[in-house]
Structures are given as structure tokens and as C-alpha cells.
PDB file of N, CA and C in Angstrom:
ATOM      1  N   MET A   1       0.822  -1.192   0.000  1.00  0.00           N
ATOM      2  CA  MET A   1       0.000   0.000   0.000  1.00  0.00           C
ATOM      3  C   MET A   1       0.867   1.257   0.000  1.00  0.00           C
ATOM      4  N   ARG A   2       1.931   1.243   0.793  1.00  0.00           N
ATOM      5  CA  ARG A   2       2.803   2.407   0.896  1.00  0.00           C
ATOM      6  C   ARG A   2       3.544   2.672  -0.412  1.00  0.00           C
ATOM      7  N   LYS A   3       4.038   1.598  -1.050  1.00  0.00           N
ATOM      8  CA  LYS A   3       4.737   1.772  -2.323  1.00  0.00           C
ATOM      9  C   LYS A   3       3.788   2.263  -3.404  1.00  0.00           C
ATOM     10  N   ALA A   4       2.559   1.779  -3.374  1.00  0.00           N
ATOM     11  CA  ALA A   4       1.579   2.222  -4.357  1.00  0.00           C
ATOM     12  C   ALA A   4       1.299   3.711  -4.188  1.00  0.00           C
ATOM     13  N   PHE A   5       1.218   4.166  -2.953  1.00  0.00           N
ATOM     14  CA  PHE A   5       0.977   5.587  -2.711  1.00  0.00           C
ATOM     15  C   PHE A   5       2.143   6.414  -3.214  1.00  0.00           C
ATOM     16  N   LYS A   6       3.360   5.978  -2.916  1.00  0.00           N
ATOM     17  CA  LYS A   6       4.538   6.718  -3.373  1.00  0.00           C
ATOM     18  C   LYS A   6       4.594   6.766  -4.897  1.00  0.00           C
ATOM     19  N   ARG A   7       4.288   5.638  -5.526  1.00  0.00           N
ATOM     20  CA  ARG A   7       4.318   5.581  -6.982  1.00  0.00           C
ATOM     21  C   ARG A   7       3.256   6.508  -7.574  1.00  0.00           C
ATOM     22  N   PHE A   8       2.119   6.604  -6.908  1.00  0.00           N
ATOM     23  CA  PHE A   8       1.043   7.467  -7.369  1.00  0.00           C
ATOM     24  C   PHE A   8       1.350   8.932  -7.074  1.00  0.00           C
ATOM     25  N   ALA A   9       1.924   9.202  -5.918  1.00  0.00           N
ATOM     26  CA  ALA A   9       2.147  10.581  -5.472  1.00  0.00           C
ATOM     27  C   ALA A   9       3.375  11.227  -6.103  1.00  0.00           C
ATOM     28  N   ARG A  10       4.362  10.456  -6.487  1.00  0.00           N
ATOM     29  CA  ARG A  10       5.625  11.006  -6.987  1.00  0.00           C
ATOM     30  C   ARG A  10       5.462  11.964  -8.168  1.00  0.00           C
ATOM     31  N   PRO A  11       4.710  11.616  -9.218  1.00  0.00           N
ATOM     32  CA  PRO A  11       4.579  12.559 -10.335  1.00  0.00           C
ATOM     33  C   PRO A  11       3.904  13.874  -9.928  1.00  0.00           C
ATOM     34  N   GLY A  12       2.890  13.784  -9.097  1.00  0.00           N
ATOM     35  CA  GLY A  12       2.207  14.995  -8.640  1.00  0.00           C
ATOM     36  C   GLY A  12       3.109  15.868  -7.790  1.00  0.00           C
ATOM     37  N   LEU A  13       3.877  15.240  -6.909  1.00  0.00           N
ATOM     38  CA  LEU A  13       4.805  16.000  -6.068  1.00  0.00           C
ATOM     39  C   LEU A  13       5.917  16.620  -6.907  1.00  0.00           C
ATOM     40  N   ALA A  14       6.362  15.914  -7.928  1.00  0.00           N
ATOM     41  CA  ALA A  14       7.402  16.456  -8.808  1.00  0.00           C
ATOM     42  C   ALA A  14       6.878  17.673  -9.564  1.00  0.00           C
ATOM     43  N   ARG A  15       5.624  17.616 -10.010  1.00  0.00           N
ATOM     44  CA  ARG A  15       5.028  18.769 -10.693  1.00  0.00           C
ATOM     45  C   ARG A  15       4.868  19.947  -9.738  1.00  0.00           C
ATOM     46  N   MET A  16       4.481  19.652  -8.499  1.00  0.00           N
ATOM     47  CA  MET A  16       4.369  20.726  -7.514  1.00  0.00           C
ATOM     48  C   MET A  16       5.731  21.353  -7.231  1.00  0.00           C
ATOM     49  N   ALA A  17       6.767  20.527  -7.158  1.00  0.00           N
ATOM     50  CA  ALA A  17       8.112  21.051  -6.927  1.00  0.00           C
ATOM     51  C   ALA A  17       8.540  21.939  -8.084  1.00  0.00           C
ATOM     52  N   ALA A  18       8.223  21.540  -9.318  1.00  0.00           N
ATOM     53  CA  ALA A  18       8.561  22.361 -10.483  1.00  0.00           C
ATOM     54  C   ALA A  18       7.796  23.681 -10.446  1.00  0.00           C
ATOM     55  N   PHE A  19       6.545  23.633 -10.047  1.00  0.00           N
ATOM     56  CA  PHE A  19       5.755  24.853  -9.922  1.00  0.00           C
ATOM     57  C   PHE A  19       6.363  25.790  -8.887  1.00  0.00           C
ATOM     58  N   LEU A  20       6.757  25.224  -7.749  1.00  0.00           N
ATOM     59  CA  LEU A  20       7.322  26.045  -6.676  1.00  0.00           C
ATOM     60  C   LEU A  20       8.642  26.688  -7.079  1.00  0.00           C
ATOM     61  N   ARG A  21       9.428  26.008  -7.903  1.00  0.00           N
ATOM     62  CA  ARG A  21      10.686  26.602  -8.363  1.00  0.00           C
ATOM     63  C   ARG A  21      10.429  27.871  -9.160  1.00  0.00           C
ATOM     64  N   ASN A  22       9.283  27.943  -9.845  1.00  0.00           N
ATOM     65  CA  ASN A  22       8.967  29.100 -10.676  1.00  0.00           C
ATOM     66  C   ASN A  22       8.161  30.161  -9.948  1.00  0.00           C
ATOM     67  N   GLN A  23       7.772  29.922  -8.704  1.00  0.00           N
ATOM     68  CA  GLN A  23       6.979  30.866  -7.926  1.00  0.00           C
ATOM     69  C   GLN A  23       7.702  31.173  -6.618  1.00  0.00           C
ATOM     70  N   PRO A  24       8.619  32.116  -6.610  1.00  0.00           N
ATOM     71  CA  PRO A  24       9.445  32.364  -5.419  1.00  0.00           C
ATOM     72  C   PRO A  24       8.650  32.696  -4.161  1.00  0.00           C
ATOM     73  N   ALA A  25       7.584  33.477  -4.282  1.00  0.00           N
ATOM     74  CA  ALA A  25       6.817  33.861  -3.090  1.00  0.00           C
ATOM     75  C   ALA A  25       6.122  32.642  -2.478  1.00  0.00           C
ATOM     76  N   VAL A  26       5.536  31.827  -3.329  1.00  0.00           N
ATOM     77  CA  VAL A  26       4.850  30.619  -2.848  1.00  0.00           C
ATOM     78  C   VAL A  26       5.878  29.640  -2.302  1.00  0.00           C
ATOM     79  N   LYS A  27       7.022  29.538  -2.986  1.00  0.00           N
ATOM     80  CA  LYS A  27       8.085  28.635  -2.542  1.00  0.00           C
ATOM     81  C   LYS A  27       8.548  28.994  -1.135  1.00  0.00           C
ATOM     82  N   GLN A  28       8.719  30.282  -0.870  1.00  0.00           N
ATOM     83  CA  GLN A  28       9.165  30.711   0.451  1.00  0.00           C
ATOM     84  C   GLN A  28       8.123  30.385   1.511  1.00  0.00           C
ATOM     85  N   SER A  29       6.867  30.579   1.183  1.00  0.00           N
ATOM     86  CA  SER A  29       5.785  30.269   2.120  1.00  0.00           C
ATOM     87  C   SER A  29       5.748  28.779   2.448  1.00  0.00           C
ATOM     88  N   VAL A  30       5.863  27.950   1.425  1.00  0.00           N
ATOM     89  CA  VAL A  30       5.866  26.494   1.630  1.00  0.00           C
ATOM     90  C   VAL A  30       7.106  26.075   2.412  1.00  0.00           C
ATOM     91  N   ALA A  31       8.249  26.676   2.087  1.00  0.00           N
ATOM     92  CA  ALA A  31       9.484  26.347   2.806  1.00  0.00           C
ATOM     93  C   ALA A  31       9.371  26.712   4.281  1.00  0.00           C
ATOM     94  N   ASP A  32       8.766  27.873   4.563  1.00  0.00           N
ATOM     95  CA  ASP A  32       8.583  28.282   5.957  1.00  0.00           C
ATOM     96  C   ASP A  32       7.666  27.315   6.702  1.00  0.00           C
ATOM     97  N   THR A  33       6.612  26.872   6.025  1.00  0.00           N
ATOM     98  CA  THR A  33       5.679  25.921   6.650  1.00  0.00           C
ATOM     99  C   THR A  33       6.351  24.582   6.888  1.00  0.00           C
ATOM    100  N   LEU A  34       7.086  24.087   5.876  1.00  0.00           N
ATOM    101  CA  LEU A  34       7.744  22.782   6.020  1.00  0.00           C
ATOM    102  C   LEU A  34       8.875  22.815   7.032  1.00  0.00           C
ATOM    103  N   ARG A  35       9.436  23.992   7.287  1.00  0.00           N
ATOM    104  CA  ARG A  35      10.495  24.102   8.275  1.00  0.00           C
ATOM    105  C   ARG A  35       9.980  23.711   9.670  1.00  0.00           C
ATOM    106  N   ARG A  36       8.693  23.904   9.893  1.00  0.00           N
ATOM    107  CA  ARG A  36       8.099  23.525  11.177  1.00  0.00           C
ATOM    108  C   ARG A  36       7.909  22.017  11.305  1.00  0.00           C
ATOM    109  N   TYR A  37       7.957  21.308  10.164  1.00  0.00           N
ATOM    110  CA  TYR A  37       7.741  19.863  10.153  1.00  0.00           C
ATOM    111  C   TYR A  37       8.910  19.172   9.435  1.00  0.00           C
ATOM    112  N   PRO A  38      10.050  19.051  10.095  1.00  0.00           N
ATOM    113  CA  PRO A  38      11.239  18.522   9.418  1.00  0.00           C
ATOM    114  C   PRO A  38      11.081  17.070   8.945  1.00  0.00           C
ATOM    115  N   LYS A  39      10.334  16.268   9.671  1.00  0.00           N
ATOM    116  CA  LYS A  39      10.150  14.880   9.248  1.00  0.00           C
ATOM    117  C   LYS A  39       9.342  14.807   7.958  1.00  0.00           C
ATOM    118  N   LEU A  40       8.287  15.600   7.870  1.00  0.00           N
ATOM    119  CA  LEU A  40       7.487  15.651   6.642  1.00  0.00           C
ATOM    120  C   LEU A  40       8.334  16.145   5.476  1.00  0.00           C
ATOM    121  N   ARG A  41       9.144  17.184   5.717  1.00  0.00           N
ATOM    122  CA  ARG A  41      10.017  17.725   4.678  1.00  0.00           C
ATOM    123  C   ARG A  41      10.987  16.669   4.166  1.00  0.00           C
ATOM    124  N   SER A  42      11.600  15.948   5.087  1.00  0.00           N
ATOM    125  CA  SER A  42      12.561  14.927   4.665  1.00  0.00           C
ATOM    126  C   SER A  42      11.872  13.797   3.909  1.00  0.00           C
ATOM    127  N   GLN A  43      10.657  13.445   4.308  1.00  0.00           N
ATOM    128  CA  GLN A  43       9.922  12.398   3.592  1.00  0.00           C
ATOM    129  C   GLN A  43       9.558  12.849   2.189  1.00  0.00           C
ATOM    130  N   LEU A  44       9.133  14.098   2.042  1.00  0.00           N
ATOM    131  CA  LEU A  44       8.797  14.617   0.713  1.00  0.00           C
ATOM    132  C   LEU A  44      10.026  14.641  -0.183  1.00  0.00           C
ATOM    133  N   ILE A  45      11.149  15.076   0.374  1.00  0.00           N
ATOM    134  CA  ILE A  45      12.375  15.095  -0.424  1.00  0.00           C
ATOM    135  C   ILE A  45      12.798  13.689  -0.797  1.00  0.00           C
ATOM    136  N   ARG A  46      12.617  12.740   0.114  1.00  0.00           N
ATOM    137  CA  ARG A  46      12.975  11.358  -0.173  1.00  0.00           C
ATOM    138  C   ARG A  46      12.082  10.781  -1.273  1.00  0.00           C
ATOM    139  N   ILE A  47      10.798  11.118  -1.256  1.00  0.00           N
ATOM    140  CA  ILE A  47       9.875  10.592  -2.261  1.00  0.00           C
ATOM    141  C   ILE A  47      10.165  11.213  -3.629  1.00  0.00           C
ATOM    142  N   VAL A  48      10.275  12.533  -3.671  1.00  0.00           N
ATOM    143  CA  VAL A  48      10.448  13.232  -4.942  1.00  0.00           C
ATOM    144  C   VAL A  48      11.887  13.161  -5.418  1.00  0.00           C
ATOM    145  N   GLY A  49      12.814  13.223  -4.496  1.00  0.00           N
ATOM    146  CA  GLY A  49      14.224  13.247  -4.849  1.00  0.00           C
ATOM    147  C   GLY A  49      14.777  14.642  -4.648  1.00  0.00           C
ATOM    148  N   ALA A  50      15.998  14.728  -4.246  1.00  0.00           N
ATOM    149  CA  ALA A  50      16.616  16.018  -3.930  1.00  0.00           C
ATOM    150  C   ALA A  50      16.708  16.900  -5.167  1.00  0.00           C
ATOM    151  N   GLU A  51      16.984  16.323  -6.326  1.00  0.00           N
ATOM    152  CA  GLU A  51      17.115  17.135  -7.533  1.00  0.00           C
ATOM    153  C   GLU A  51      15.811  17.818  -7.886  1.00  0.00           C
ATOM    154  N   ALA A  52      14.696  17.074  -7.784  1.00  0.00           N
ATOM    155  CA  ALA A  52      13.405  17.674  -8.100  1.00  0.00           C
ATOM    156  C   ALA A  52      13.033  18.733  -7.077  1.00  0.00           C
ATOM    157  N   ALA A  53      13.378  18.492  -5.825  1.00  0.00           N
ATOM    158  CA  ALA A  53      13.030  19.456  -4.777  1.00  0.00           C
ATOM    159  C   ALA A  53      13.871  20.713  -4.881  1.00  0.00           C
ATOM    160  N   LEU A  54      15.114  20.589  -5.253  1.00  0.00           N
ATOM    161  CA  LEU A  54      16.006  21.741  -5.304  1.00  0.00           C
ATOM    162  C   LEU A  54      16.072  22.368  -6.689  1.00  0.00           C
ATOM    163  N   GLY A  55      15.709  21.593  -7.692  1.00  0.00           N
ATOM    164  CA  GLY A  55      15.716  22.155  -9.033  1.00  0.00           C
ATOM    165  C   GLY A  55      17.000  21.980  -9.789  1.00  0.00           C
ATOM    166  N   ALA A  56      17.971  21.393  -9.193  1.00  0.00           N
ATOM    167  CA  ALA A  56      19.249  21.197  -9.854  1.00  0.00           C
ATOM    168  C   ALA A  56      19.980  20.068  -9.178  1.00  0.00           C
ATOM    169  N   ALA A  57      21.057  19.671  -9.805  1.00  0.00           N
ATOM    170  CA  ALA A  57      21.890  18.651  -9.184  1.00  0.00           C
ATOM    171  C   ALA A  57      22.460  19.216  -7.885  1.00  0.00           C
ATOM    172  N   THR A  58      22.538  18.389  -6.875  1.00  0.00           N
ATOM    173  CA  THR A  58      22.962  18.879  -5.578  1.00  0.00           C
ATOM    174  C   THR A  58      24.462  19.092  -5.491  1.00  0.00           C
ATOM    175  N   SER A  59      25.233  18.317  -6.231  1.00  0.00           N
ATOM    176  CA  SER A  59      26.678  18.512  -6.165  1.00  0.00           C
ATOM    177  C   SER A  59      27.261  18.427  -7.568  1.00  0.00           C
ATOM    178  N   LEU A  60      27.841  19.510  -7.995  1.00  0.00           N
ATOM    179  CA  LEU A  60      28.494  19.554  -9.290  1.00  0.00           C
ATOM    180  C   LEU A  60      29.974  19.824  -9.064  1.00  0.00           C
ATOM    181  N   ALA A  61      30.789  19.139  -9.823  1.00  0.00           N
ATOM    182  CA  ALA A  61      32.226  19.359  -9.713  1.00  0.00           C
ATOM    183  C   ALA A  61      32.566  20.703 -10.336  1.00  0.00           C
ATOM    184  N   THR A  62      33.351  21.477  -9.646  1.00  0.00           N
ATOM    185  CA  THR A  62      33.767  22.763 -10.196  1.00  0.00           C
ATOM    186  C   THR A  62      35.104  22.582 -10.890  1.00  0.00           C
ATOM    187  N   VAL A  63      35.177  23.052 -12.100  1.00  0.00           N
ATOM    188  CA  VAL A  63      36.396  22.952 -12.891  1.00  0.00           C
ATOM    189  C   VAL A  63      37.001  24.339 -12.968  1.00  0.00           C
ATOM    190  N   THR A  64      38.215  24.480 -12.477  1.00  0.00           N
ATOM    191  CA  THR A  64      38.857  25.788 -12.460  1.00  0.00           C
ATOM    192  C   THR A  64      39.706  26.029 -13.696  1.00  0.00           C
ATOM    193  N   SER A  65      40.032  24.970 -14.413  1.00  0.00           N
ATOM    194  CA  SER A  65      40.880  25.108 -15.583  1.00  0.00           C
ATOM    195  C   SER A  65      40.421  24.137 -16.661  1.00  0.00           C
ATOM    196  N   VAL A  66      40.620  24.529 -17.902  1.00  0.00           N
ATOM    197  CA  VAL A  66      40.275  23.657 -19.023  1.00  0.00           C
ATOM    198  C   VAL A  66      41.151  22.406 -19.003  1.00  0.00           C
ATOM    199  N   ASN A  67      42.340  22.515 -18.443  1.00  0.00           N
ATOM    200  CA  ASN A  67      43.251  21.377 -18.386  1.00  0.00           C
ATOM    201  C   ASN A  67      42.708  20.244 -17.525  1.00  0.00           C
ATOM    202  N   GLN A  68      41.779  20.555 -16.623  1.00  0.00           N
ATOM    203  CA  GLN A  68      41.202  19.520 -15.773  1.00  0.00           C
ATOM    204  C   GLN A  68      40.141  18.696 -16.495  1.00  0.00           C
ATOM    205  N   LEU A  69      39.699  19.166 -17.660  1.00  0.00           N
ATOM    206  CA  LEU A  69      38.673  18.451 -18.410  1.00  0.00           C
ATOM    207  C   LEU A  69      39.269  17.277 -19.175  1.00  0.00           C
ATOM    208  N   THR A  70      38.400  16.345 -19.535  1.00  0.00           N
ATOM    209  CA  THR A  70      38.826  15.236 -20.386  1.00  0.00           C
ATOM    210  C   THR A  70      39.023  15.780 -21.801  1.00  0.00           C
ATOM    211  N   ALA A  71      39.571  14.953 -22.670  1.00  0.00           N
ATOM    212  CA  ALA A  71      39.797  15.377 -24.055  1.00  0.00           C
ATOM    213  C   ALA A  71      38.477  15.753 -24.718  1.00  0.00           C
ATOM    214  N   ARG A  72      37.467  14.955 -24.493  1.00  0.00           N
ATOM    215  CA  ARG A  72      36.148  15.261 -25.067  1.00  0.00           C
ATOM    216  C   ARG A  72      35.578  16.538 -24.446  1.00  0.00           C
ATOM    217  N   GLY A  73      35.753  16.714 -23.165  1.00  0.00           N
ATOM    218  CA  GLY A  73      35.288  17.921 -22.499  1.00  0.00           C
ATOM    219  C   GLY A  73      35.965  19.169 -23.040  1.00  0.00           C
ATOM    220  N   ARG A  74      37.272  19.069 -23.273  1.00  0.00           N
ATOM    221  CA  ARG A  74      38.001  20.202 -23.849  1.00  0.00           C
ATOM    222  C   ARG A  74      37.500  20.515 -25.249  1.00  0.00           C
ATOM    223  N   ALA A  75      37.233  19.466 -26.045  1.00  0.00           N
ATOM    224  CA  ALA A  75      36.723  19.674 -27.403  1.00  0.00           C
ATOM    225  C   ALA A  75      35.363  20.376 -27.371  1.00  0.00           C
ATOM    226  N   VAL A  76      34.505  19.947 -26.480  1.00  0.00           N
ATOM    227  CA  VAL A  76      33.193  20.580 -26.346  1.00  0.00           C
ATOM    228  C   VAL A  76      33.351  22.023 -25.886  1.00  0.00           C
ATOM    229  N   TYR A  77      34.212  22.254 -24.922  1.00  0.00           N
ATOM    230  CA  TYR A  77      34.448  23.607 -24.410  1.00  0.00           C
ATOM    231  C   TYR A  77      34.935  24.532 -25.525  1.00  0.00           C
ATOM    232  N   HIS A  78      35.921  24.079 -26.295  1.00  0.00           N
ATOM    233  CA  HIS A  78      36.463  24.917 -27.362  1.00  0.00           C
ATOM    234  C   HIS A  78      35.420  25.150 -28.456  1.00  0.00           C
ATOM    235  N   ASP A  79      34.610  24.144 -28.743  1.00  0.00           N
ATOM    236  CA  ASP A  79      33.539  24.301 -29.723  1.00  0.00           C
ATOM    237  C   ASP A  79      32.533  25.353 -29.245  1.00  0.00           C
ATOM    238  N   LEU A  80      32.186  25.310 -27.981  1.00  0.00           N
ATOM    239  CA  LEU A  80      31.264  26.312 -27.422  1.00  0.00           C
ATOM    240  C   LEU A  80      31.855  27.714 -27.482  1.00  0.00           C
ATOM    241  N   MET A  81      33.142  27.833 -27.164  1.00  0.00           N
ATOM    242  CA  MET A  81      33.774  29.151 -27.194  1.00  0.00           C
ATOM    243  C   MET A  81      33.844  29.698 -28.622  1.00  0.00           C
ATOM    244  N   ARG A  82      34.130  28.823 -29.616  1.00  0.00           N
ATOM    245  CA  ARG A  82      34.138  29.256 -31.017  1.00  0.00           C
ATOM    246  C   ARG A  82      32.748  29.729 -31.431  1.00  0.00           C
ATOM    247  N   SER A  83      31.744  28.970 -31.049  1.00  0.00           N
ATOM    248  CA  SER A  83      30.367  29.329 -31.389  1.00  0.00           C
ATOM    249  C   SER A  83      29.965  30.642 -30.722  1.00  0.00           C
ATOM    250  N   LYS A  84      30.354  30.803 -29.471  1.00  0.00           N
ATOM    251  CA  LYS A  84      30.031  32.021 -28.726  1.00  0.00           C
ATOM    252  C   LYS A  84      30.683  33.237 -29.386  1.00  0.00           C
ATOM    253  N   SER A  85      31.953  33.113 -29.787  1.00  0.00           N
ATOM    254  CA  SER A  85      32.634  34.244 -30.419  1.00  0.00           C
ATOM    255  C   SER A  85      32.082  34.519 -31.813  1.00  0.00           C
ATOM    256  N   ALA A  86      31.628  33.495 -32.514  1.00  0.00           N
ATOM    257  CA  ALA A  86      31.031  33.687 -33.834  1.00  0.00           C
ATOM    258  C   ALA A  86      29.694  34.419 -33.718  1.00  0.00           C
ATOM    259  N   ASN A  87      28.951  34.167 -32.651  1.00  0.00           N
ATOM    260  CA  ASN A  87      27.663  34.837 -32.453  1.00  0.00           C
ATOM    261  C   ASN A  87      27.835  36.304 -32.106  1.00  0.00           C
ATOM    262  N   ARG A  88      28.952  36.673 -31.515  1.00  0.00           N
ATOM    263  CA  ARG A  88      29.190  38.057 -31.147  1.00  0.00           C
ATOM    264  C   ARG A  88      29.513  38.938 -32.334  1.00  0.00           C
ATOM    265  N   LYS A  89      29.995  38.329 -33.420  1.00  0.00           N
ATOM    266  CA  LYS A  89      30.411  39.113 -34.608  1.00  0.00           C
ATOM    267  C   LYS A  89      29.234  39.575 -35.404  1.00  0.00           C
TER     268      LYS A  89
END
């Protein structure tokens, strides 16, 4: 029964999370309310997933230099920079 509820509720909760990301005032109100109920908040995040709740990946590697990228990453980076400079002309 519990898994069925989670499976049913997950898409709706994910849509609500996406809506809240686009509505800052409502998001703050919901965040303030959920702050009073930490167990409920953690359960919602567990059901929906941290990425859906936060709107982005939770941990991204920061690259300080192009030399730290893989060969393919460097190729993509240079291609993007060429395209960016071509658009400016």
C-alpha cells in the first residue's frame, strides 16, 4: 500500500516542486511551513528526490581550468567558445 501511494504521489509532487521553483513567493511560504515539520520535509524530499526538490543537481564538480577536463570535455568547451565568439560578430 505504501509503495503504491509513493508511486502514485511522486509525479504529482514532482510537478508541484517544479511549480514552486517558478513561484518564489509561494516557494518561500511552503518552505517556511515545512520548516516547522522537518520529518514531513525529509519524507517529501525522499519521495520526490533532492534534484526535483532543489531544481538542480545537488553537487556539481567545479572545474577551475580547461586542463582539468577530459579530451572530449576540452573539445566541447572549445567548440562552445568558437560558437560564442562567432555569435558576437
